[in-house]
């Protein structure tokens, strides 16, 4: 392992909002986990996303499927990076959606409210 990997951990696998949208349409449908707070989720989220606030991730980790890709999303990408690190250490195949919901909205992709 390189010095930087030892210092910061392995690189975080990432997807853009557009790549996630394409995966959801045409590929294997990944499990999208939104790690924001409930009030943020109610304002807008990706259709089909499962809300698990970052602070509750450890409590719900055993409920997540090991054989399915997981994509973590937050508002801008900071909390989702933390979630990806946690899940990767537990053996999940996990990606961070770069730029979070801000990037999703900038790409003019559909959101769900409520």
PDB file of N, CA and C in Angstrom:
ATOM      1  N   UNK A   1       0.838  -1.177   0.000  1.00  0.00           N
ATOM      2  CA  UNK A   1       0.000   0.000   0.000  1.00  0.00           C
ATOM      3  C   UNK A   1       0.890   1.250   0.000  1.00  0.00           C
ATOM      4  N   UNK A   2       0.502   2.235  -0.731  1.00  0.00           N
ATOM      5  CA  UNK A   2       1.299   3.450  -0.807  1.00  0.00           C
ATOM      6  C   UNK A   2       1.174   4.258   0.482  1.00  0.00           C
ATOM      7  N   UNK A   3       2.103   5.198   0.634  1.00  0.00           N
ATOM      8  CA  UNK A   3       2.087   6.074   1.804  1.00  0.00           C
ATOM      9  C   UNK A   3       0.755   6.810   1.939  1.00  0.00           C
ATOM     10  N   UNK A   4       0.236   7.363   0.811  1.00  0.00           N
ATOM     11  CA  UNK A   4      -1.028   8.115   0.864  1.00  0.00           C
ATOM     12  C   UNK A   4      -2.198   7.218   1.219  1.00  0.00           C
ATOM     13  N   UNK A   5      -2.216   5.989   0.694  1.00  0.00           N
ATOM     14  CA  UNK A   5      -3.296   5.054   1.033  1.00  0.00           C
ATOM     15  C   UNK A   5      -3.262   4.714   2.515  1.00  0.00           C
ATOM     16  N   UNK A   6      -2.047   4.546   3.050  1.00  0.00           N
ATOM     17  CA  UNK A   6      -1.932   4.272   4.487  1.00  0.00           C
ATOM     18  C   UNK A   6      -2.421   5.458   5.306  1.00  0.00           C
ATOM     19  N   UNK A   7      -2.132   6.649   4.827  1.00  0.00           N
ATOM     20  CA  UNK A   7      -2.481   7.860   5.552  1.00  0.00           C
ATOM     21  C   UNK A   7      -3.971   8.192   5.464  1.00  0.00           C
ATOM     22  N   UNK A   8      -4.523   8.132   4.258  1.00  0.00           N
ATOM     23  CA  UNK A   8      -5.908   8.562   4.019  1.00  0.00           C
ATOM     24  C   UNK A   8      -6.882   7.429   3.731  1.00  0.00           C
ATOM     25  N   UNK A   9      -6.416   6.222   3.577  1.00  0.00           N
ATOM     26  CA  UNK A   9      -7.267   5.103   3.204  1.00  0.00           C
ATOM     27  C   UNK A   9      -7.332   4.972   1.694  1.00  0.00           C
ATOM     28  N   UNK A  10      -7.965   3.912   1.206  1.00  0.00           N
ATOM     29  CA  UNK A  10      -8.045   3.709  -0.245  1.00  0.00           C
ATOM     30  C   UNK A  10      -8.888   4.791  -0.905  1.00  0.00           C
ATOM     31  N   UNK A  11      -8.701   5.005  -2.215  1.00  0.00           N
ATOM     32  CA  UNK A  11      -9.515   6.009  -2.909  1.00  0.00           C
ATOM     33  C   UNK A  11     -11.002   5.639  -2.839  1.00  0.00           C
ATOM     34  N   UNK A  12     -11.834   6.654  -2.804  1.00  0.00           N
ATOM     35  CA  UNK A  12     -13.278   6.441  -2.711  1.00  0.00           C
ATOM     36  C   UNK A  12     -13.851   6.311  -4.119  1.00  0.00           C
ATOM     37  N   UNK A  13     -14.527   5.182  -4.416  1.00  0.00           N
ATOM     38  CA  UNK A  13     -15.159   5.044  -5.736  1.00  0.00           C
ATOM     39  C   UNK A  13     -16.276   6.073  -5.889  1.00  0.00           C
ATOM     40  N   UNK A  14     -16.323   6.736  -7.042  1.00  0.00           N
ATOM     41  CA  UNK A  14     -17.286   7.820  -7.252  1.00  0.00           C
ATOM     42  C   UNK A  14     -18.081   7.619  -8.526  1.00  0.00           C
ATOM     43  N   UNK A  15     -19.276   8.196  -8.527  1.00  0.00           N
ATOM     44  CA  UNK A  15     -20.127   8.281  -9.710  1.00  0.00           C
ATOM     45  C   UNK A  15     -20.606   9.719  -9.828  1.00  0.00           C
ATOM     46  N   UNK A  16     -20.802  10.177 -11.049  1.00  0.00           N
ATOM     47  CA  UNK A  16     -21.439  11.476 -11.235  1.00  0.00           C
ATOM     48  C   UNK A  16     -22.944  11.284 -11.152  1.00  0.00           C
ATOM     49  N   UNK A  17     -23.664  12.371 -11.047  1.00  0.00           N
ATOM     50  CA  UNK A  17     -25.130  12.305 -11.025  1.00  0.00           C
ATOM     51  C   UNK A  17     -25.646  11.656 -12.307  1.00  0.00           C
ATOM     52  N   UNK A  18     -25.066  12.023 -13.428  1.00  0.00           N
ATOM     53  CA  UNK A  18     -25.494  11.458 -14.717  1.00  0.00           C
ATOM     54  C   UNK A  18     -25.210   9.966 -14.777  1.00  0.00           C
ATOM     55  N   UNK A  19     -24.041   9.539 -14.287  1.00  0.00           N
ATOM     56  CA  UNK A  19     -23.721   8.106 -14.281  1.00  0.00           C
ATOM     57  C   UNK A  19     -24.701   7.330 -13.403  1.00  0.00           C
ATOM     58  N   UNK A  20     -25.051   7.890 -12.257  1.00  0.00           N
ATOM     59  CA  UNK A  20     -26.027   7.225 -11.398  1.00  0.00           C
ATOM     60  C   UNK A  20     -27.378   7.140 -12.094  1.00  0.00           C
ATOM     61  N   UNK A  21     -27.805   8.216 -12.722  1.00  0.00           N
ATOM     62  CA  UNK A  21     -29.070   8.222 -13.439  1.00  0.00           C
ATOM     63  C   UNK A  21     -29.097   7.140 -14.522  1.00  0.00           C
ATOM     64  N   UNK A  22     -27.999   7.026 -15.251  1.00  0.00           N
ATOM     65  CA  UNK A  22     -27.910   6.001 -16.302  1.00  0.00           C
ATOM     66  C   UNK A  22     -27.946   4.594 -15.702  1.00  0.00           C
ATOM     67  N   UNK A  23     -27.234   4.375 -14.619  1.00  0.00           N
ATOM     68  CA  UNK A  23     -27.260   3.070 -13.954  1.00  0.00           C
ATOM     69  C   UNK A  23     -28.678   2.718 -13.523  1.00  0.00           C
ATOM     70  N   UNK A  24     -29.384   3.719 -13.010  1.00  0.00           N
ATOM     71  CA  UNK A  24     -30.745   3.482 -12.536  1.00  0.00           C
ATOM     72  C   UNK A  24     -31.685   3.149 -13.695  1.00  0.00           C
ATOM     73  N   UNK A  25     -31.440   3.729 -14.855  1.00  0.00           N
ATOM     74  CA  UNK A  25     -32.293   3.480 -16.014  1.00  0.00           C
ATOM     75  C   UNK A  25     -31.958   2.178 -16.725  1.00  0.00           C
ATOM     76  N   UNK A  26     -30.659   1.922 -16.913  1.00  0.00           N
ATOM     77  CA  UNK A  26     -30.257   0.861 -17.832  1.00  0.00           C
ATOM     78  C   UNK A  26     -29.444  -0.265 -17.220  1.00  0.00           C
ATOM     79  N   UNK A  27     -28.859  -0.035 -16.073  1.00  0.00           N
ATOM     80  CA  UNK A  27     -28.000  -1.061 -15.486  1.00  0.00           C
ATOM     81  C   UNK A  27     -28.679  -1.753 -14.341  1.00  0.00           C
ATOM     82  N   UNK A  28     -27.855  -2.372 -13.529  1.00  0.00           N
ATOM     83  CA  UNK A  28     -28.375  -2.934 -12.291  1.00  0.00           C
ATOM     84  C   UNK A  28     -28.759  -1.755 -11.411  1.00  0.00           C
ATOM     85  N   UNK A  29     -29.917  -1.798 -10.863  1.00  0.00           N
ATOM     86  CA  UNK A  29     -30.407  -0.681 -10.049  1.00  0.00           C
ATOM     87  C   UNK A  29     -29.697  -0.707  -8.697  1.00  0.00           C
ATOM     88  N   UNK A  30     -28.792   0.252  -8.469  1.00  0.00           N
ATOM     89  CA  UNK A  30     -28.123   0.279  -7.166  1.00  0.00           C
ATOM     90  C   UNK A  30     -29.080   0.760  -6.073  1.00  0.00           C
ATOM     91  N   UNK A  31     -28.750   0.418  -4.847  1.00  0.00           N
ATOM     92  CA  UNK A  31     -29.485   0.945  -3.712  1.00  0.00           C
ATOM     93  C   UNK A  31     -28.926   2.329  -3.418  1.00  0.00           C
ATOM     94  N   UNK A  32     -29.772   3.344  -3.501  1.00  0.00           N
ATOM     95  CA  UNK A  32     -29.343   4.713  -3.232  1.00  0.00           C
ATOM     96  C   UNK A  32     -29.692   5.028  -1.786  1.00  0.00           C
ATOM     97  N   UNK A  33     -28.654   5.363  -1.015  1.00  0.00           N
ATOM     98  CA  UNK A  33     -28.850   5.725   0.386  1.00  0.00           C
ATOM     99  C   UNK A  33     -28.589   7.214   0.527  1.00  0.00           C
ATOM    100  N   UNK A  34     -29.596   7.915   1.014  1.00  0.00           N
ATOM    101  CA  UNK A  34     -29.488   9.353   1.265  1.00  0.00           C
ATOM    102  C   UNK A  34     -29.129   9.517   2.731  1.00  0.00           C
ATOM    103  N   UNK A  35     -27.950  10.098   2.999  1.00  0.00           N
ATOM    104  CA  UNK A  35     -27.464  10.181   4.377  1.00  0.00           C
ATOM    105  C   UNK A  35     -27.709  11.557   5.011  1.00  0.00           C
ATOM    106  N   UNK A  36     -28.587  12.350   4.385  1.00  0.00           N
ATOM    107  CA  UNK A  36     -28.923  13.669   4.952  1.00  0.00           C
ATOM    108  C   UNK A  36     -29.934  13.503   6.087  1.00  0.00           C
ATOM    109  N   UNK A  37     -30.343  14.607   6.647  1.00  0.00           N
ATOM    110  CA  UNK A  37     -31.342  14.621   7.715  1.00  0.00           C
ATOM    111  C   UNK A  37     -32.751  14.519   7.105  1.00  0.00           C
ATOM    112  N   UNK A  38     -33.731  14.031   7.884  1.00  0.00           N
ATOM    113  CA  UNK A  38     -35.087  13.853   7.356  1.00  0.00           C
ATOM    114  C   UNK A  38     -35.685  15.110   6.719  1.00  0.00           C
ATOM    115  N   UNK A  39     -35.453  16.289   7.313  1.00  0.00           N
ATOM    116  CA  UNK A  39     -36.038  17.507   6.744  1.00  0.00           C
ATOM    117  C   UNK A  39     -35.422  17.827   5.377  1.00  0.00           C
ATOM    118  N   UNK A  40     -34.140  17.541   5.195  1.00  0.00           N
ATOM    119  CA  UNK A  40     -33.497  17.744   3.891  1.00  0.00           C
ATOM    120  C   UNK A  40     -34.078  16.768   2.870  1.00  0.00           C
ATOM    121  N   UNK A  41     -34.264  15.524   3.290  1.00  0.00           N
ATOM    122  CA  UNK A  41     -34.809  14.475   2.426  1.00  0.00           C
ATOM    123  C   UNK A  41     -36.216  14.846   1.958  1.00  0.00           C
ATOM    124  N   UNK A  42     -37.045  15.352   2.870  1.00  0.00           N
ATOM    125  CA  UNK A  42     -38.422  15.714   2.513  1.00  0.00           C
ATOM    126  C   UNK A  42     -38.456  16.840   1.475  1.00  0.00           C
ATOM    127  N   UNK A  43     -37.493  17.749   1.515  1.00  0.00           N
ATOM    128  CA  UNK A  43     -37.465  18.857   0.553  1.00  0.00           C
ATOM    129  C   UNK A  43     -37.256  18.349  -0.869  1.00  0.00           C
ATOM    130  N   UNK A  44     -36.353  17.406  -1.053  1.00  0.00           N
ATOM    131  CA  UNK A  44     -36.154  16.767  -2.362  1.00  0.00           C
ATOM    132  C   UNK A  44     -35.160  15.628  -2.220  1.00  0.00           C
ATOM    133  N   UNK A  45     -35.429  14.560  -2.950  1.00  0.00           N
ATOM    134  CA  UNK A  45     -34.531  13.403  -2.952  1.00  0.00           C
ATOM    135  C   UNK A  45     -34.675  12.644  -4.265  1.00  0.00           C
ATOM    136  N   UNK A  46     -33.762  11.728  -4.494  1.00  0.00           N
ATOM    137  CA  UNK A  46     -33.804  10.871  -5.676  1.00  0.00           C
ATOM    138  C   UNK A  46     -34.893   9.829  -5.449  1.00  0.00           C
ATOM    139  N   UNK A  47     -35.753   9.652  -6.439  1.00  0.00           N
ATOM    140  CA  UNK A  47     -36.841   8.672  -6.326  1.00  0.00           C
ATOM    141  C   UNK A  47     -36.266   7.290  -6.002  1.00  0.00           C
ATOM    142  N   UNK A  48     -36.841   6.650  -5.009  1.00  0.00           N
ATOM    143  CA  UNK A  48     -36.409   5.319  -4.611  1.00  0.00           C
ATOM    144  C   UNK A  48     -35.276   5.300  -3.591  1.00  0.00           C
ATOM    145  N   UNK A  49     -34.735   6.474  -3.264  1.00  0.00           N
ATOM    146  CA  UNK A  49     -33.638   6.533  -2.288  1.00  0.00           C
ATOM    147  C   UNK A  49     -34.155   6.151  -0.908  1.00  0.00           C
ATOM    148  N   UNK A  50     -33.284   5.500  -0.151  1.00  0.00           N
ATOM    149  CA  UNK A  50     -33.602   5.108   1.224  1.00  0.00           C
ATOM    150  C   UNK A  50     -32.916   6.107   2.150  1.00  0.00           C
ATOM    151  N   UNK A  51     -33.676   6.696   3.049  1.00  0.00           N
ATOM    152  CA  UNK A  51     -33.124   7.659   4.001  1.00  0.00           C
ATOM    153  C   UNK A  51     -32.509   6.928   5.188  1.00  0.00           C
ATOM    154  N   UNK A  52     -31.195   7.117   5.366  1.00  0.00           N
ATOM    155  CA  UNK A  52     -30.497   6.668   6.571  1.00  0.00           C
ATOM    156  C   UNK A  52     -29.524   7.791   6.922  1.00  0.00           C
ATOM    157  N   UNK A  53     -29.918   8.695   7.833  1.00  0.00           N
ATOM    158  CA  UNK A  53     -29.001   9.774   8.206  1.00  0.00           C
ATOM    159  C   UNK A  53     -27.645   9.218   8.637  1.00  0.00           C
ATOM    160  N   UNK A  54     -26.596   9.936   8.300  1.00  0.00           N
ATOM    161  CA  UNK A  54     -25.236   9.462   8.575  1.00  0.00           C
ATOM    162  C   UNK A  54     -25.067   9.028  10.027  1.00  0.00           C
ATOM    163  N   UNK A  55     -25.613   9.778  10.954  1.00  0.00           N
ATOM    164  CA  UNK A  55     -25.485   9.444  12.372  1.00  0.00           C
ATOM    165  C   UNK A  55     -26.165   8.144  12.768  1.00  0.00           C
ATOM    166  N   UNK A  56     -27.035   7.609  11.908  1.00  0.00           N
ATOM    167  CA  UNK A  56     -27.752   6.362  12.194  1.00  0.00           C
ATOM    168  C   UNK A  56     -27.258   5.189  11.354  1.00  0.00           C
ATOM    169  N   UNK A  57     -26.224   5.418  10.541  1.00  0.00           N
ATOM    170  CA  UNK A  57     -25.773   4.388   9.605  1.00  0.00           C
ATOM    171  C   UNK A  57     -25.341   3.107  10.310  1.00  0.00           C
ATOM    172  N   UNK A  58     -24.559   3.221  11.377  1.00  0.00           N
ATOM    173  CA  UNK A  58     -24.113   2.011  12.084  1.00  0.00           C
ATOM    174  C   UNK A  58     -25.286   1.200  12.609  1.00  0.00           C
ATOM    175  N   UNK A  59     -26.336   1.887  13.052  1.00  0.00           N
ATOM    176  CA  UNK A  59     -27.511   1.217  13.608  1.00  0.00           C
ATOM    177  C   UNK A  59     -28.240   0.386  12.540  1.00  0.00           C
ATOM    178  N   UNK A  60     -28.167   0.816  11.277  1.00  0.00           N
ATOM    179  CA  UNK A  60     -28.910   0.149  10.195  1.00  0.00           C
ATOM    180  C   UNK A  60     -28.027  -0.655   9.246  1.00  0.00           C
ATOM    181  N   UNK A  61     -26.754  -0.734   9.521  1.00  0.00           N
ATOM    182  CA  UNK A  61     -25.813  -1.324   8.563  1.00  0.00           C
ATOM    183  C   UNK A  61     -26.132  -2.784   8.227  1.00  0.00           C
ATOM    184  N   UNK A  62     -26.605  -3.552   9.186  1.00  0.00           N
ATOM    185  CA  UNK A  62     -26.896  -4.973   8.952  1.00  0.00           C
ATOM    186  C   UNK A  62     -28.127  -5.171   8.068  1.00  0.00           C
ATOM    187  N   UNK A  63     -28.933  -4.111   7.880  1.00  0.00           N
ATOM    188  CA  UNK A  63     -30.125  -4.199   7.027  1.00  0.00           C
ATOM    189  C   UNK A  63     -29.776  -4.059   5.546  1.00  0.00           C
ATOM    190  N   UNK A  64     -28.555  -3.624   5.246  1.00  0.00           N
ATOM    191  CA  UNK A  64     -28.176  -3.342   3.862  1.00  0.00           C
ATOM    192  C   UNK A  64     -27.703  -4.606   3.156  1.00  0.00           C
ATOM    193  N   UNK A  65     -28.079  -4.779   1.876  1.00  0.00           N
ATOM    194  CA  UNK A  65     -27.694  -5.985   1.141  1.00  0.00           C
ATOM    195  C   UNK A  65     -26.224  -5.958   0.721  1.00  0.00           C
ATOM    196  N   UNK A  66     -25.508  -7.040   1.006  1.00  0.00           N
ATOM    197  CA  UNK A  66     -24.078  -7.119   0.647  1.00  0.00           C
ATOM    198  C   UNK A  66     -23.898  -7.367  -0.855  1.00  0.00           C
ATOM    199  N   UNK A  67     -24.838  -7.986  -1.512  1.00  0.00           N
ATOM    200  CA  UNK A  67     -24.667  -8.355  -2.919  1.00  0.00           C
ATOM    201  C   UNK A  67     -25.150  -7.309  -3.915  1.00  0.00           C
ATOM    202  N   UNK A  68     -25.435  -6.129  -3.469  1.00  0.00           N
ATOM    203  CA  UNK A  68     -25.970  -5.085  -4.347  1.00  0.00           C
ATOM    204  C   UNK A  68     -25.115  -3.827  -4.225  1.00  0.00           C
ATOM    205  N   UNK A  69     -24.897  -3.145  -5.351  1.00  0.00           N
ATOM    206  CA  UNK A  69     -24.164  -1.886  -5.311  1.00  0.00           C
ATOM    207  C   UNK A  69     -24.957  -0.866  -4.503  1.00  0.00           C
ATOM    208  N   UNK A  70     -24.241  -0.072  -3.718  1.00  0.00           N
ATOM    209  CA  UNK A  70     -24.849   0.981  -2.924  1.00  0.00           C
ATOM    210  C   UNK A  70     -24.217   2.302  -3.343  1.00  0.00           C
ATOM    211  N   UNK A  71     -25.055   3.324  -3.516  1.00  0.00           N
ATOM    212  CA  UNK A  71     -24.572   4.663  -3.830  1.00  0.00           C
ATOM    213  C   UNK A  71     -25.047   5.583  -2.717  1.00  0.00           C
ATOM    214  N   UNK A  72     -24.098   6.286  -2.097  1.00  0.00           N
ATOM    215  CA  UNK A  72     -24.422   7.210  -1.011  1.00  0.00           C
ATOM    216  C   UNK A  72     -24.531   8.629  -1.555  1.00  0.00           C
ATOM    217  N   UNK A  73     -25.550   9.349  -1.070  1.00  0.00           N
ATOM    218  CA  UNK A  73     -25.839  10.711  -1.531  1.00  0.00           C
ATOM    219  C   UNK A  73     -26.090  11.596  -0.315  1.00  0.00           C
ATOM    220  N   UNK A  74     -25.621  12.842  -0.389  1.00  0.00           N
ATOM    221  CA  UNK A  74     -25.945  13.845   0.625  1.00  0.00           C
ATOM    222  C   UNK A  74     -26.212  15.164  -0.093  1.00  0.00           C
ATOM    223  N   UNK A  75     -26.042  16.274   0.564  1.00  0.00           N
ATOM    224  CA  UNK A  75     -26.319  17.573  -0.064  1.00  0.00           C
ATOM    225  C   UNK A  75     -25.223  17.972  -1.045  1.00  0.00           C
ATOM    226  N   UNK A  76     -23.950  17.811  -0.626  1.00  0.00           N
ATOM    227  CA  UNK A  76     -22.851  18.280  -1.474  1.00  0.00           C
ATOM    228  C   UNK A  76     -21.735  17.266  -1.675  1.00  0.00           C
ATOM    229  N   UNK A  77     -21.734  16.185  -0.939  1.00  0.00           N
ATOM    230  CA  UNK A  77     -20.729  15.153  -1.110  1.00  0.00           C
ATOM    231  C   UNK A  77     -19.879  14.868   0.117  1.00  0.00           C
ATOM    232  N   UNK A  78     -19.977  15.672   1.150  1.00  0.00           N
ATOM    233  CA  UNK A  78     -19.137  15.494   2.336  1.00  0.00           C
ATOM    234  C   UNK A  78     -19.617  14.325   3.202  1.00  0.00           C
ATOM    235  N   UNK A  79     -20.875  14.328   3.583  1.00  0.00           N
ATOM    236  CA  UNK A  79     -21.406  13.248   4.432  1.00  0.00           C
ATOM    237  C   UNK A  79     -21.405  11.915   3.699  1.00  0.00           C
ATOM    238  N   UNK A  80     -21.680  11.959   2.397  1.00  0.00           N
ATOM    239  CA  UNK A  80     -21.709  10.702   1.642  1.00  0.00           C
ATOM    240  C   UNK A  80     -20.318  10.071   1.573  1.00  0.00           C
ATOM    241  N   UNK A  81     -19.259  10.874   1.497  1.00  0.00           N
ATOM    242  CA  UNK A  81     -17.896  10.318   1.522  1.00  0.00           C
ATOM    243  C   UNK A  81     -17.648   9.583   2.837  1.00  0.00           C
ATOM    244  N   UNK A  82     -18.104  10.152   3.921  1.00  0.00           N
ATOM    245  CA  UNK A  82     -17.956   9.481   5.224  1.00  0.00           C
ATOM    246  C   UNK A  82     -18.720   8.168   5.238  1.00  0.00           C
ATOM    247  N   UNK A  83     -19.925   8.166   4.707  1.00  0.00           N
ATOM    248  CA  UNK A  83     -20.736   6.945   4.658  1.00  0.00           C
ATOM    249  C   UNK A  83     -20.064   5.879   3.805  1.00  0.00           C
ATOM    250  N   UNK A  84     -19.494   6.278   2.671  1.00  0.00           N
ATOM    251  CA  UNK A  84     -18.813   5.328   1.788  1.00  0.00           C
ATOM    252  C   UNK A  84     -17.643   4.675   2.517  1.00  0.00           C
ATOM    253  N   UNK A  85     -16.884   5.447   3.260  1.00  0.00           N
ATOM    254  CA  UNK A  85     -15.749   4.893   4.005  1.00  0.00           C
ATOM    255  C   UNK A  85     -16.221   3.857   5.022  1.00  0.00           C
ATOM    256  N   UNK A  86     -17.295   4.174   5.721  1.00  0.00           N
ATOM    257  CA  UNK A  86     -17.850   3.246   6.722  1.00  0.00           C
ATOM    258  C   UNK A  86     -18.291   1.949   6.056  1.00  0.00           C
ATOM    259  N   UNK A  87     -19.062   2.065   4.981  1.00  0.00           N
ATOM    260  CA  UNK A  87     -19.599   0.874   4.316  1.00  0.00           C
ATOM    261  C   UNK A  87     -18.512   0.055   3.631  1.00  0.00           C
ATOM    262  N   UNK A  88     -17.529   0.717   3.040  1.00  0.00           N
ATOM    263  CA  UNK A  88     -16.437  -0.007   2.381  1.00  0.00           C
ATOM    264  C   UNK A  88     -15.664  -0.847   3.402  1.00  0.00           C
ATOM    265  N   UNK A  89     -15.443  -0.308   4.603  1.00  0.00           N
ATOM    266  CA  UNK A  89     -14.739  -1.057   5.647  1.00  0.00           C
ATOM    267  C   UNK A  89     -15.518  -2.297   6.072  1.00  0.00           C
ATOM    268  N   UNK A  90     -16.846  -2.240   5.909  1.00  0.00           N
ATOM    269  CA  UNK A  90     -17.706  -3.375   6.278  1.00  0.00           C
ATOM    270  C   UNK A  90     -17.889  -4.360   5.122  1.00  0.00           C
ATOM    271  N   UNK A  91     -17.235  -4.095   3.988  1.00  0.00           N
ATOM    272  CA  UNK A  91     -17.265  -5.048   2.870  1.00  0.00           C
ATOM    273  C   UNK A  91     -18.325  -4.807   1.821  1.00  0.00           C
ATOM    274  N   UNK A  92     -18.989  -3.668   1.836  1.00  0.00           N
ATOM    275  CA  UNK A  92     -20.011  -3.355   0.843  1.00  0.00           C
ATOM    276  C   UNK A  92     -19.376  -2.809  -0.430  1.00  0.00           C
ATOM    277  N   UNK A  93     -20.038  -3.041  -1.563  1.00  0.00           N
ATOM    278  CA  UNK A  93     -19.653  -2.424  -2.832  1.00  0.00           C
ATOM    279  C   UNK A  93     -20.377  -1.090  -2.869  1.00  0.00           C
ATOM    280  N   UNK A  94     -19.631  -0.012  -2.705  1.00  0.00           N
ATOM    281  CA  UNK A  94     -20.254   1.282  -2.463  1.00  0.00           C
ATOM    282  C   UNK A  94     -19.569   2.397  -3.254  1.00  0.00           C
ATOM    283  N   UNK A  95     -20.372   3.369  -3.671  1.00  0.00           N
ATOM    284  CA  UNK A  95     -19.907   4.519  -4.443  1.00  0.00           C
ATOM    285  C   UNK A  95     -20.420   5.798  -3.796  1.00  0.00           C
ATOM    286  N   UNK A  96     -19.679   6.866  -4.010  1.00  0.00           N
ATOM    287  CA  UNK A  96     -20.083   8.204  -3.580  1.00  0.00           C
ATOM    288  C   UNK A  96     -20.584   8.952  -4.807  1.00  0.00           C
ATOM    289  N   UNK A  97     -21.788   9.535  -4.730  1.00  0.00           N
ATOM    290  CA  UNK A  97     -22.244  10.370  -5.833  1.00  0.00           C
ATOM    291  C   UNK A  97     -21.629  11.755  -5.655  1.00  0.00           C
ATOM    292  N   UNK A  98     -20.733  12.097  -6.554  1.00  0.00           N
ATOM    293  CA  UNK A  98     -20.012  13.364  -6.489  1.00  0.00           C
ATOM    294  C   UNK A  98     -20.956  14.557  -6.525  1.00  0.00           C
ATOM    295  N   UNK A  99     -20.736  15.493  -5.629  1.00  0.00           N
ATOM    296  CA  UNK A  99     -21.498  16.737  -5.638  1.00  0.00           C
ATOM    297  C   UNK A  99     -22.870  16.653  -5.014  1.00  0.00           C
ATOM    298  N   UNK A 100     -23.291  15.464  -4.599  1.00  0.00           N
ATOM    299  CA  UNK A 100     -24.554  15.281  -3.904  1.00  0.00           C
ATOM    300  C   UNK A 100     -25.778  15.764  -4.671  1.00  0.00           C
ATOM    301  N   UNK A 101     -26.807  16.113  -3.903  1.00  0.00           N
ATOM    302  CA  UNK A 101     -28.066  16.559  -4.508  1.00  0.00           C
ATOM    303  C   UNK A 101     -27.887  17.855  -5.288  1.00  0.00           C
ATOM    304  N   UNK A 102     -26.910  18.659  -4.923  1.00  0.00           N
ATOM    305  CA  UNK A 102     -26.639  19.889  -5.684  1.00  0.00           C
ATOM    306  C   UNK A 102     -26.261  19.529  -7.116  1.00  0.00           C
ATOM    307  N   UNK A 103     -25.431  18.510  -7.289  1.00  0.00           N
ATOM    308  CA  UNK A 103     -25.036  18.072  -8.630  1.00  0.00           C
ATOM    309  C   UNK A 103     -26.216  17.424  -9.363  1.00  0.00           C
ATOM    310  N   UNK A 104     -27.034  16.659  -8.644  1.00  0.00           N
ATOM    311  CA  UNK A 104     -28.211  16.006  -9.238  1.00  0.00           C
ATOM    312  C   UNK A 104     -29.152  17.070  -9.813  1.00  0.00           C
ATOM    313  N   UNK A 105     -29.411  18.100  -9.023  1.00  0.00           N
ATOM    314  CA  UNK A 105     -30.299  19.181  -9.470  1.00  0.00           C
ATOM    315  C   UNK A 105     -29.675  19.987 -10.599  1.00  0.00           C
ATOM    316  N   UNK A 106     -28.367  20.225 -10.528  1.00  0.00           N
ATOM    317  CA  UNK A 106     -27.673  20.966 -11.596  1.00  0.00           C
ATOM    318  C   UNK A 106     -27.748  20.224 -12.923  1.00  0.00           C
ATOM    319  N   UNK A 107     -27.771  18.894 -12.862  1.00  0.00           N
ATOM    320  CA  UNK A 107     -27.878  18.073 -14.070  1.00  0.00           C
ATOM    321  C   UNK A 107     -29.330  17.999 -14.556  1.00  0.00           C
ATOM    322  N   UNK A 108     -30.230  18.694 -13.844  1.00  0.00           N
ATOM    323  CA  UNK A 108     -31.661  18.731 -14.178  1.00  0.00           C
ATOM    324  C   UNK A 108     -32.304  17.336 -14.181  1.00  0.00           C
ATOM    325  N   UNK A 109     -31.882  16.524 -13.225  1.00  0.00           N
ATOM    326  CA  UNK A 109     -32.450  15.187 -13.066  1.00  0.00           C
ATOM    327  C   UNK A 109     -33.650  15.290 -12.123  1.00  0.00           C
ATOM    328  N   UNK A 110     -34.609  14.377 -12.250  1.00  0.00           N
ATOM    329  CA  UNK A 110     -35.849  14.501 -11.477  1.00  0.00           C
ATOM    330  C   UNK A 110     -35.655  14.254  -9.978  1.00  0.00           C
ATOM    331  N   UNK A 111     -36.413  14.995  -9.185  1.00  0.00           N
ATOM    332  CA  UNK A 111     -36.398  14.812  -7.738  1.00  0.00           C
ATOM    333  C   UNK A 111     -37.819  14.521  -7.268  1.00  0.00           C
ATOM    334  N   UNK A 112     -37.881  13.911  -6.117  1.00  0.00           N
ATOM    335  CA  UNK A 112     -39.156  13.612  -5.487  1.00  0.00           C
ATOM    336  C   UNK A 112     -39.212  14.423  -4.199  1.00  0.00           C
ATOM    337  N   UNK A 113     -40.385  14.865  -3.835  1.00  0.00           N
ATOM    338  CA  UNK A 113     -40.563  15.616  -2.588  1.00  0.00           C
ATOM    339  C   UNK A 113     -41.410  14.808  -1.625  1.00  0.00           C
ATOM    340  N   UNK A 114     -41.247  15.110  -0.350  1.00  0.00           N
ATOM    341  CA  UNK A 114     -42.059  14.439   0.662  1.00  0.00           C
ATOM    342  C   UNK A 114     -41.336  13.344   1.364  1.00  0.00           C
TER     343      UNK A 114
END
